[in-house]
Amino acid sequence: MSTLHTLSASWHERVWVFEQLCFATSGDAILLIEDAVLAAHSPITLASFLAKCESRGVKVYVLQEDMQVRGVHNQYKQLKPVPYTGFVELTEKHQRHVAW
C-alpha cells in the first residue's frame, strides 16, 4: 500500500521530518507544499535527502504554484514540479495520505 507524504513546514523548522521521510518505502511519494518548497534553496542537505529517496524508489515532488509564489527555482532533476491538478492525481494514486 503506497503513501503520499505531504510536507508543508519550512525546512528550517522541521529538519527532523526530512530524516524521518527517508524511511518511506518504494512506491511512496513525498510532496513539498507551502513553506516546505523553500528546501529547494538548500543544495547540500536537500541533495542528500533526494539521493536517499531515489535509492529507495521514493519520488519527491514540489507544488509549482507554491514555488512560484515564494520565488523558488528548482535546481534538482529528482525534484519533480507538479501543478495543483498533479496534487490531486497523486492523492488519487496513493492509498494513504500523511501530512507532516
PDB file of N, CA and C in Angstrom:
ATOM      1  N   MET A   1       0.846  -1.171   0.000  1.00  0.00           N
ATOM      2  CA  MET A   1       0.000   0.000   0.000  1.00  0.00           C
ATOM      3  C   MET A   1       0.897   1.243   0.000  1.00  0.00           C
ATOM      4  N   SER A   2       0.744   2.093  -1.001  1.00  0.00           N
ATOM      5  CA  SER A   2       1.613   3.260  -1.105  1.00  0.00           C
ATOM      6  C   SER A   2       1.035   4.460  -0.356  1.00  0.00           C
ATOM      7  N   THR A   3       1.941   5.344   0.037  1.00  0.00           N
ATOM      8  CA  THR A   3       1.562   6.509   0.832  1.00  0.00           C
ATOM      9  C   THR A   3       2.066   7.783   0.175  1.00  0.00           C
ATOM     10  N   LEU A   4       1.229   8.809   0.175  1.00  0.00           N
ATOM     11  CA  LEU A   4       1.635  10.148  -0.220  1.00  0.00           C
ATOM     12  C   LEU A   4       1.908  10.925   1.060  1.00  0.00           C
ATOM     13  N   HIS A   5       3.128  11.401   1.194  1.00  0.00           N
ATOM     14  CA  HIS A   5       3.523  12.214   2.345  1.00  0.00           C
ATOM     15  C   HIS A   5       3.569  13.660   1.882  1.00  0.00           C
ATOM     16  N   THR A   6       2.816  14.537   2.524  1.00  0.00           N
ATOM     17  CA  THR A   6       2.901  15.960   2.194  1.00  0.00           C
ATOM     18  C   THR A   6       3.575  16.685   3.345  1.00  0.00           C
ATOM     19  N   LEU A   7       4.503  17.529   2.986  1.00  0.00           N
ATOM     20  CA  LEU A   7       5.235  18.297   3.981  1.00  0.00           C
ATOM     21  C   LEU A   7       5.012  19.772   3.698  1.00  0.00           C
ATOM     22  N   SER A   8       4.495  20.506   4.694  1.00  0.00           N
ATOM     23  CA  SER A   8       4.154  21.912   4.487  1.00  0.00           C
ATOM     24  C   SER A   8       5.033  22.883   5.266  1.00  0.00           C
ATOM     25  N   ALA A   9       5.747  22.421   6.264  1.00  0.00           N
ATOM     26  CA  ALA A   9       6.541  23.326   7.110  1.00  0.00           C
ATOM     27  C   ALA A   9       7.910  23.605   6.485  1.00  0.00           C
ATOM     28  N   SER A  10       8.471  24.719   6.859  1.00  0.00           N
ATOM     29  CA  SER A  10       9.784  25.123   6.375  1.00  0.00           C
ATOM     30  C   SER A  10      10.838  24.089   6.738  1.00  0.00           C
ATOM     31  N   TRP A  11      11.783  23.950   5.859  1.00  0.00           N
ATOM     32  CA  TRP A  11      12.928  23.055   6.063  1.00  0.00           C
ATOM     33  C   TRP A  11      13.621  23.375   7.384  1.00  0.00           C
ATOM     34  N   HIS A  12      13.763  24.636   7.702  1.00  0.00           N
ATOM     35  CA  HIS A  12      14.476  25.049   8.909  1.00  0.00           C
ATOM     36  C   HIS A  12      13.692  24.760  10.178  1.00  0.00           C
ATOM     37  N   GLU A  13      12.380  24.681  10.074  1.00  0.00           N
ATOM     38  CA  GLU A  13      11.564  24.382  11.242  1.00  0.00           C
ATOM     39  C   GLU A  13      11.538  22.895  11.561  1.00  0.00           C
ATOM     40  N   ARG A  14      11.635  22.073  10.526  1.00  0.00           N
ATOM     41  CA  ARG A  14      11.442  20.635  10.736  1.00  0.00           C
ATOM     42  C   ARG A  14      12.448  19.779   9.982  1.00  0.00           C
ATOM     43  N   VAL A  15      13.702  20.013  10.203  1.00  0.00           N
ATOM     44  CA  VAL A  15      14.733  19.208   9.548  1.00  0.00           C
ATOM     45  C   VAL A  15      14.537  17.733   9.891  1.00  0.00           C
ATOM     46  N   TRP A  16      14.121  17.447  11.102  1.00  0.00           N
ATOM     47  CA  TRP A  16      13.931  16.068  11.542  1.00  0.00           C
ATOM     48  C   TRP A  16      12.912  15.332  10.682  1.00  0.00           C
ATOM     49  N   VAL A  17      11.921  16.041  10.138  1.00  0.00           N
ATOM     50  CA  VAL A  17      10.903  15.388   9.319  1.00  0.00           C
ATOM     51  C   VAL A  17      11.527  14.812   8.057  1.00  0.00           C
ATOM     52  N   PHE A  18      12.448  15.559   7.459  1.00  0.00           N
ATOM     53  CA  PHE A  18      13.099  15.064   6.257  1.00  0.00           C
ATOM     54  C   PHE A  18      13.861  13.776   6.556  1.00  0.00           C
ATOM     55  N   GLU A  19      14.489  13.707   7.710  1.00  0.00           N
ATOM     56  CA  GLU A  19      15.189  12.475   8.086  1.00  0.00           C
ATOM     57  C   GLU A  19      14.200  11.327   8.281  1.00  0.00           C
ATOM     58  N   GLN A  20      13.073  11.584   8.895  1.00  0.00           N
ATOM     59  CA  GLN A  20      12.050  10.552   9.081  1.00  0.00           C
ATOM     60  C   GLN A  20      11.517  10.060   7.740  1.00  0.00           C
ATOM     61  N   LEU A  21      11.335  10.980   6.799  1.00  0.00           N
ATOM     62  CA  LEU A  21      10.781  10.610   5.500  1.00  0.00           C
ATOM     63  C   LEU A  21      11.745   9.750   4.688  1.00  0.00           C
ATOM     64  N   CYS A  22      12.995   9.714   5.071  1.00  0.00           N
ATOM     65  CA  CYS A  22      13.950   8.845   4.373  1.00  0.00           C
ATOM     66  C   CYS A  22      13.578   7.375   4.559  1.00  0.00           C
ATOM     67  N   PHE A  23      12.690   7.084   5.488  1.00  0.00           N
ATOM     68  CA  PHE A  23      12.260   5.707   5.701  1.00  0.00           C
ATOM     69  C   PHE A  23      11.019   5.352   4.895  1.00  0.00           C
ATOM     70  N   ALA A  24      10.573   6.245   4.048  1.00  0.00           N
ATOM     71  CA  ALA A  24       9.450   5.931   3.156  1.00  0.00           C
ATOM     72  C   ALA A  24       9.867   4.756   2.278  1.00  0.00           C
ATOM     73  N   THR A  25       8.896   3.974   1.852  1.00  0.00           N
ATOM     74  CA  THR A  25       9.210   2.763   1.100  1.00  0.00           C
ATOM     75  C   THR A  25       8.960   2.952  -0.390  1.00  0.00           C
ATOM     76  N   SER A  26       9.457   2.025  -1.151  1.00  0.00           N
ATOM     77  CA  SER A  26       9.314   2.066  -2.601  1.00  0.00           C
ATOM     78  C   SER A  26       7.841   2.198  -2.991  1.00  0.00           C
ATOM     79  N   GLY A  27       7.567   3.093  -3.914  1.00  0.00           N
ATOM     80  CA  GLY A  27       6.193   3.342  -4.338  1.00  0.00           C
ATOM     81  C   GLY A  27       5.542   4.513  -3.640  1.00  0.00           C
ATOM     82  N   ASP A  28       6.129   4.950  -2.525  1.00  0.00           N
ATOM     83  CA  ASP A  28       5.622   6.125  -1.825  1.00  0.00           C
ATOM     84  C   ASP A  28       6.042   7.382  -2.582  1.00  0.00           C
ATOM     85  N   ALA A  29       5.403   8.491  -2.259  1.00  0.00           N
ATOM     86  CA  ALA A  29       5.756   9.780  -2.838  1.00  0.00           C
ATOM     87  C   ALA A  29       5.754  10.834  -1.745  1.00  0.00           C
ATOM     88  N   ILE A  30       6.608  11.825  -1.910  1.00  0.00           N
ATOM     89  CA  ILE A  30       6.686  12.950  -0.989  1.00  0.00           C
ATOM     90  C   ILE A  30       6.403  14.202  -1.805  1.00  0.00           C
ATOM     91  N   LEU A  31       5.487  15.031  -1.306  1.00  0.00           N
ATOM     92  CA  LEU A  31       5.146  16.277  -1.987  1.00  0.00           C
ATOM     93  C   LEU A  31       5.433  17.448  -1.054  1.00  0.00           C
ATOM     94  N   LEU A  32       6.316  18.342  -1.485  1.00  0.00           N
ATOM     95  CA  LEU A  32       6.623  19.548  -0.731  1.00  0.00           C
ATOM     96  C   LEU A  32       5.627  20.630  -1.136  1.00  0.00           C
ATOM     97  N   ILE A  33       4.943  21.187  -0.142  1.00  0.00           N
ATOM     98  CA  ILE A  33       3.958  22.240  -0.387  1.00  0.00           C
ATOM     99  C   ILE A  33       4.218  23.395   0.581  1.00  0.00           C
ATOM    100  N   GLU A  34       3.542  24.497   0.360  1.00  0.00           N
ATOM    101  CA  GLU A  34       3.619  25.677   1.218  1.00  0.00           C
ATOM    102  C   GLU A  34       5.086  26.030   1.496  1.00  0.00           C
ATOM    103  N   ASP A  35       5.471  26.268   2.749  1.00  0.00           N
ATOM    104  CA  ASP A  35       6.842  26.682   3.060  1.00  0.00           C
ATOM    105  C   ASP A  35       7.882  25.579   2.885  1.00  0.00           C
ATOM    106  N   ALA A  36       7.471  24.340   2.766  1.00  0.00           N
ATOM    107  CA  ALA A  36       8.429  23.259   2.554  1.00  0.00           C
ATOM    108  C   ALA A  36       9.149  23.380   1.216  1.00  0.00           C
ATOM    109  N   VAL A  37       8.552  24.093   0.252  1.00  0.00           N
ATOM    110  CA  VAL A  37       9.210  24.270  -1.045  1.00  0.00           C
ATOM    111  C   VAL A  37      10.501  25.076  -0.916  1.00  0.00           C
ATOM    112  N   LEU A  38      10.670  25.803   0.170  1.00  0.00           N
ATOM    113  CA  LEU A  38      11.889  26.571   0.400  1.00  0.00           C
ATOM    114  C   LEU A  38      13.112  25.670   0.527  1.00  0.00           C
ATOM    115  N   ALA A  39      12.904  24.404   0.765  1.00  0.00           N
ATOM    116  CA  ALA A  39      14.021  23.452   0.852  1.00  0.00           C
ATOM    117  C   ALA A  39      14.798  23.380  -0.452  1.00  0.00           C
ATOM    118  N   ALA A  40      14.170  23.755  -1.542  1.00  0.00           N
ATOM    119  CA  ALA A  40      14.850  23.734  -2.843  1.00  0.00           C
ATOM    120  C   ALA A  40      16.009  24.724  -2.891  1.00  0.00           C
ATOM    121  N   HIS A  41      16.075  25.648  -1.939  1.00  0.00           N
ATOM    122  CA  HIS A  41      17.188  26.597  -1.851  1.00  0.00           C
ATOM    123  C   HIS A  41      18.332  26.062  -1.004  1.00  0.00           C
ATOM    124  N   SER A  42      18.225  24.851  -0.496  1.00  0.00           N
ATOM    125  CA  SER A  42      19.236  24.281   0.388  1.00  0.00           C
ATOM    126  C   SER A  42      19.961  23.147  -0.338  1.00  0.00           C
ATOM    127  N   PRO A  43      20.970  23.469  -1.141  1.00  0.00           N
ATOM    128  CA  PRO A  43      21.576  22.472  -2.020  1.00  0.00           C
ATOM    129  C   PRO A  43      22.267  21.320  -1.313  1.00  0.00           C
ATOM    130  N   ILE A  44      22.887  21.536  -0.190  1.00  0.00           N
ATOM    131  CA  ILE A  44      23.662  20.458   0.434  1.00  0.00           C
ATOM    132  C   ILE A  44      22.753  19.424   1.076  1.00  0.00           C
ATOM    133  N   THR A  45      21.880  19.845   1.960  1.00  0.00           N
ATOM    134  CA  THR A  45      21.058  18.892   2.686  1.00  0.00           C
ATOM    135  C   THR A  45      19.956  18.297   1.824  1.00  0.00           C
ATOM    136  N   LEU A  46      19.373  19.068   0.935  1.00  0.00           N
ATOM    137  CA  LEU A  46      18.313  18.519   0.091  1.00  0.00           C
ATOM    138  C   LEU A  46      18.880  17.519  -0.914  1.00  0.00           C
ATOM    139  N   ALA A  47      20.079  17.762  -1.406  1.00  0.00           N
ATOM    140  CA  ALA A  47      20.700  16.831  -2.347  1.00  0.00           C
ATOM    141  C   ALA A  47      20.873  15.460  -1.699  1.00  0.00           C
ATOM    142  N   SER A  48      21.307  15.444  -0.469  1.00  0.00           N
ATOM    143  CA  SER A  48      21.478  14.182   0.263  1.00  0.00           C
ATOM    144  C   SER A  48      20.132  13.493   0.471  1.00  0.00           C
ATOM    145  N   PHE A  49      19.132  14.258   0.858  1.00  0.00           N
ATOM    146  CA  PHE A  49      17.789  13.723   1.069  1.00  0.00           C
ATOM    147  C   PHE A  49      17.230  13.129  -0.223  1.00  0.00           C
ATOM    148  N   LEU A  50      17.367  13.853  -1.332  1.00  0.00           N
ATOM    149  CA  LEU A  50      16.854  13.371  -2.616  1.00  0.00           C
ATOM    150  C   LEU A  50      17.577  12.112  -3.072  1.00  0.00           C
ATOM    151  N   ALA A  51      18.865  12.033  -2.821  1.00  0.00           N
ATOM    152  CA  ALA A  51      19.627  10.828  -3.187  1.00  0.00           C
ATOM    153  C   ALA A  51      19.138   9.621  -2.397  1.00  0.00           C
ATOM    154  N   LYS A  52      18.859   9.820  -1.114  1.00  0.00           N
ATOM    155  CA  LYS A  52      18.328   8.727  -0.288  1.00  0.00           C
ATOM    156  C   LYS A  52      16.968   8.269  -0.795  1.00  0.00           C
ATOM    157  N   CYS A  53      16.114   9.218  -1.121  1.00  0.00           N
ATOM    158  CA  CYS A  53      14.779   8.878  -1.620  1.00  0.00           C
ATOM    159  C   CYS A  53      14.878   8.120  -2.944  1.00  0.00           C
ATOM    160  N   GLU A  54      15.721   8.610  -3.826  1.00  0.00           N
ATOM    161  CA  GLU A  54      15.870   7.975  -5.135  1.00  0.00           C
ATOM    162  C   GLU A  54      16.358   6.537  -4.993  1.00  0.00           C
ATOM    163  N   SER A  55      17.282   6.301  -4.081  1.00  0.00           N
ATOM    164  CA  SER A  55      17.806   4.945  -3.884  1.00  0.00           C
ATOM    165  C   SER A  55      16.752   3.997  -3.309  1.00  0.00           C
ATOM    166  N   ARG A  56      15.730   4.542  -2.660  1.00  0.00           N
ATOM    167  CA  ARG A  56      14.650   3.729  -2.075  1.00  0.00           C
ATOM    168  C   ARG A  56      13.425   3.627  -2.985  1.00  0.00           C
ATOM    169  N   GLY A  57      13.472   4.269  -4.143  1.00  0.00           N
ATOM    170  CA  GLY A  57      12.325   4.220  -5.046  1.00  0.00           C
ATOM    171  C   GLY A  57      11.185   5.126  -4.632  1.00  0.00           C
ATOM    172  N   VAL A  58      11.520   6.194  -3.904  1.00  0.00           N
ATOM    173  CA  VAL A  58      10.524   7.164  -3.447  1.00  0.00           C
ATOM    174  C   VAL A  58      10.666   8.414  -4.308  1.00  0.00           C
ATOM    175  N   LYS A  59       9.582   8.837  -4.927  1.00  0.00           N
ATOM    176  CA  LYS A  59       9.614  10.034  -5.765  1.00  0.00           C
ATOM    177  C   LYS A  59       9.286  11.256  -4.925  1.00  0.00           C
ATOM    178  N   VAL A  60       9.963  12.357  -5.238  1.00  0.00           N
ATOM    179  CA  VAL A  60       9.755  13.603  -4.498  1.00  0.00           C
ATOM    180  C   VAL A  60       9.257  14.664  -5.472  1.00  0.00           C
ATOM    181  N   TYR A  61       8.156  15.295  -5.098  1.00  0.00           N
ATOM    182  CA  TYR A  61       7.508  16.305  -5.924  1.00  0.00           C
ATOM    183  C   TYR A  61       7.473  17.628  -5.172  1.00  0.00           C
ATOM    184  N   VAL A  62       7.270  18.701  -5.916  1.00  0.00           N
ATOM    185  CA  VAL A  62       7.126  20.025  -5.323  1.00  0.00           C
ATOM    186  C   VAL A  62       5.983  20.732  -6.046  1.00  0.00           C
ATOM    187  N   LEU A  63       5.159  21.415  -5.296  1.00  0.00           N
ATOM    188  CA  LEU A  63       3.999  22.091  -5.873  1.00  0.00           C
ATOM    189  C   LEU A  63       4.458  23.366  -6.597  1.00  0.00           C
ATOM    190  N   GLN A  64       4.221  23.404  -7.903  1.00  0.00           N
ATOM    191  CA  GLN A  64       4.673  24.513  -8.748  1.00  0.00           C
ATOM    192  C   GLN A  64       4.193  25.872  -8.261  1.00  0.00           C
ATOM    193  N   GLU A  65       2.930  25.973  -7.988  1.00  0.00           N
ATOM    194  CA  GLU A  65       2.362  27.261  -7.599  1.00  0.00           C
ATOM    195  C   GLU A  65       3.001  27.796  -6.310  1.00  0.00           C
ATOM    196  N   ASP A  66       3.290  26.915  -5.363  1.00  0.00           N
ATOM    197  CA  ASP A  66       3.928  27.352  -4.125  1.00  0.00           C
ATOM    198  C   ASP A  66       5.361  27.804  -4.385  1.00  0.00           C
ATOM    199  N   MET A  67       6.042  27.156  -5.320  1.00  0.00           N
ATOM    200  CA  MET A  67       7.393  27.591  -5.689  1.00  0.00           C
ATOM    201  C   MET A  67       7.347  28.979  -6.328  1.00  0.00           C
ATOM    202  N   GLN A  68       6.397  29.186  -7.217  1.00  0.00           N
ATOM    203  CA  GLN A  68       6.293  30.470  -7.916  1.00  0.00           C
ATOM    204  C   GLN A  68       6.008  31.607  -6.939  1.00  0.00           C
ATOM    205  N   VAL A  69       5.075  31.387  -6.035  1.00  0.00           N
ATOM    206  CA  VAL A  69       4.707  32.429  -5.066  1.00  0.00           C
ATOM    207  C   VAL A  69       5.901  32.807  -4.192  1.00  0.00           C
ATOM    208  N   ARG A  70       6.743  31.835  -3.863  1.00  0.00           N
ATOM    209  CA  ARG A  70       7.881  32.083  -2.972  1.00  0.00           C
ATOM    210  C   ARG A  70       9.171  32.401  -3.732  1.00  0.00           C
ATOM    211  N   GLY A  71       9.114  32.443  -5.050  1.00  0.00           N
ATOM    212  CA  GLY A  71      10.292  32.773  -5.849  1.00  0.00           C
ATOM    213  C   GLY A  71      11.368  31.711  -5.830  1.00  0.00           C
ATOM    214  N   VAL A  72      10.975  30.463  -5.686  1.00  0.00           N
ATOM    215  CA  VAL A  72      11.919  29.346  -5.622  1.00  0.00           C
ATOM    216  C   VAL A  72      12.089  28.744  -7.012  1.00  0.00           C
ATOM    217  N   HIS A  73      13.326  28.474  -7.367  1.00  0.00           N
ATOM    218  CA  HIS A  73      13.624  27.836  -8.649  1.00  0.00           C
ATOM    219  C   HIS A  73      14.146  26.427  -8.390  1.00  0.00           C
ATOM    220  N   ASN A  74      13.639  25.477  -9.133  1.00  0.00           N
ATOM    221  CA  ASN A  74      14.007  24.078  -8.954  1.00  0.00           C
ATOM    222  C   ASN A  74      15.403  23.823  -9.508  1.00  0.00           C
ATOM    223  N   GLN A  75      16.315  23.358  -8.666  1.00  0.00           N
ATOM    224  CA  GLN A  75      17.686  23.066  -9.055  1.00  0.00           C
ATOM    225  C   GLN A  75      17.941  21.568  -9.231  1.00  0.00           C
ATOM    226  N   TYR A  76      16.943  20.746  -8.992  1.00  0.00           N
ATOM    227  CA  TYR A  76      17.165  19.313  -8.905  1.00  0.00           C
ATOM    228  C   TYR A  76      16.330  18.533  -9.908  1.00  0.00           C
ATOM    229  N   LYS A  77      16.960  17.623 -10.620  1.00  0.00           N
ATOM    230  CA  LYS A  77      16.211  16.784 -11.556  1.00  0.00           C
ATOM    231  C   LYS A  77      15.340  15.773 -10.805  1.00  0.00           C
ATOM    232  N   GLN A  78      15.718  15.385  -9.588  1.00  0.00           N
ATOM    233  CA  GLN A  78      14.943  14.417  -8.811  1.00  0.00           C
ATOM    234  C   GLN A  78      13.691  15.043  -8.186  1.00  0.00           C
ATOM    235  N   LEU A  79      13.632  16.359  -8.145  1.00  0.00           N
ATOM    236  CA  LEU A  79      12.500  17.081  -7.553  1.00  0.00           C
ATOM    237  C   LEU A  79      11.562  17.482  -8.684  1.00  0.00           C
ATOM    238  N   LYS A  80      10.446  16.764  -8.784  1.00  0.00           N
ATOM    239  CA  LYS A  80       9.542  16.938  -9.918  1.00  0.00           C
ATOM    240  C   LYS A  80       8.431  17.941  -9.601  1.00  0.00           C
ATOM    241  N   PRO A  81       8.375  19.059 -10.341  1.00  0.00           N
ATOM    242  CA  PRO A  81       7.303  20.038 -10.105  1.00  0.00           C
ATOM    243  C   PRO A  81       5.956  19.518 -10.610  1.00  0.00           C
ATOM    244  N   VAL A  82       4.911  19.757  -9.827  1.00  0.00           N
ATOM    245  CA  VAL A  82       3.547  19.397 -10.241  1.00  0.00           C
ATOM    246  C   VAL A  82       2.621  20.575  -9.950  1.00  0.00           C
ATOM    247  N   PRO A  83       1.613  20.790 -10.821  1.00  0.00           N
ATOM    248  CA  PRO A  83       0.606  21.822 -10.552  1.00  0.00           C
ATOM    249  C   PRO A  83      -0.422  21.279  -9.559  1.00  0.00           C
ATOM    250  N   TYR A  84      -1.393  22.112  -9.201  1.00  0.00           N
ATOM    251  CA  TYR A  84      -2.449  21.668  -8.279  1.00  0.00           C
ATOM    252  C   TYR A  84      -3.146  20.408  -8.785  1.00  0.00           C
ATOM    253  N   THR A  85      -3.361  20.315 -10.097  1.00  0.00           N
ATOM    254  CA  THR A  85      -4.014  19.113 -10.635  1.00  0.00           C
ATOM    255  C   THR A  85      -3.144  17.880 -10.416  1.00  0.00           C
ATOM    256  N   GLY A  86      -1.825  18.069 -10.422  1.00  0.00           N
ATOM    257  CA  GLY A  86      -0.918  16.961 -10.135  1.00  0.00           C
ATOM    258  C   GLY A  86      -1.018  16.510  -8.688  1.00  0.00           C
ATOM    259  N   PHE A  87      -1.287  17.454  -7.799  1.00  0.00           N
ATOM    260  CA  PHE A  87      -1.505  17.136  -6.390  1.00  0.00           C
ATOM    261  C   PHE A  87      -2.716  16.209  -6.266  1.00  0.00           C
ATOM    262  N   VAL A  88      -3.767  16.547  -6.967  1.00  0.00           N
ATOM    263  CA  VAL A  88      -4.984  15.719  -6.944  1.00  0.00           C
ATOM    264  C   VAL A  88      -4.682  14.327  -7.490  1.00  0.00           C
ATOM    265  N   GLU A  89      -3.948  14.250  -8.578  1.00  0.00           N
ATOM    266  CA  GLU A  89      -3.605  12.951  -9.171  1.00  0.00           C
ATOM    267  C   GLU A  89      -2.766  12.108  -8.217  1.00  0.00           C
ATOM    268  N   LEU A  90      -1.825  12.740  -7.527  1.00  0.00           N
ATOM    269  CA  LEU A  90      -1.017  11.999  -6.551  1.00  0.00           C
ATOM    270  C   LEU A  90      -1.886  11.462  -5.413  1.00  0.00           C
ATOM    271  N   THR A  91      -2.844  12.278  -4.976  1.00  0.00           N
ATOM    272  CA  THR A  91      -3.758  11.851  -3.918  1.00  0.00           C
ATOM    273  C   THR A  91      -4.580  10.643  -4.357  1.00  0.00           C
ATOM    274  N   GLU A  92      -5.042  10.659  -5.597  1.00  0.00           N
ATOM    275  CA  GLU A  92      -5.828   9.537  -6.123  1.00  0.00           C
ATOM    276  C   GLU A  92      -4.983   8.285  -6.313  1.00  0.00           C
ATOM    277  N   LYS A  93      -3.721   8.455  -6.654  1.00  0.00           N
ATOM    278  CA  LYS A  93      -2.835   7.331  -6.968  1.00  0.00           C
ATOM    279  C   LYS A  93      -2.422   6.539  -5.719  1.00  0.00           C
ATOM    280  N   HIS A  94      -2.295   7.212  -4.587  1.00  0.00           N
ATOM    281  CA  HIS A  94      -1.817   6.566  -3.359  1.00  0.00           C
ATOM    282  C   HIS A  94      -2.987   6.255  -2.426  1.00  0.00           C
ATOM    283  N   GLN A  95      -2.884   5.126  -1.761  1.00  0.00           N
ATOM    284  CA  GLN A  95      -3.970   4.665  -0.886  1.00  0.00           C
ATOM    285  C   GLN A  95      -4.027   5.440   0.429  1.00  0.00           C
ATOM    286  N   ARG A  96      -2.898   5.917   0.891  1.00  0.00           N
ATOM    287  CA  ARG A  96      -2.853   6.663   2.157  1.00  0.00           C
ATOM    288  C   ARG A  96      -2.247   8.037   1.942  1.00  0.00           C
ATOM    289  N   HIS A  97      -2.588   8.960   2.849  1.00  0.00           N
ATOM    290  CA  HIS A  97      -2.020  10.304   2.803  1.00  0.00           C
ATOM    291  C   HIS A  97      -1.643  10.686   4.231  1.00  0.00           C
ATOM    292  N   VAL A  98      -0.358  11.079   4.398  1.00  0.00           N
ATOM    293  CA  VAL A  98       0.129  11.517   5.696  1.00  0.00           C
ATOM    294  C   VAL A  98       0.632  12.942   5.544  1.00  0.00           C
ATOM    295  N   ALA A  99       0.075  13.850   6.324  1.00  0.00           N
ATOM    296  CA  ALA A  99       0.502  15.247   6.299  1.00  0.00           C
ATOM    297  C   ALA A  99       1.456  15.491   7.454  1.00  0.00           C
ATOM    298  N   TRP A 100       2.606  16.059   7.151  1.00  0.00           N
ATOM    299  CA  TRP A 100       3.624  16.340   8.169  1.00  0.00           C
ATOM    300  C   TRP A 100       3.664  17.819   8.438  1.00  0.00           C
TER     301      TRP A 100
END
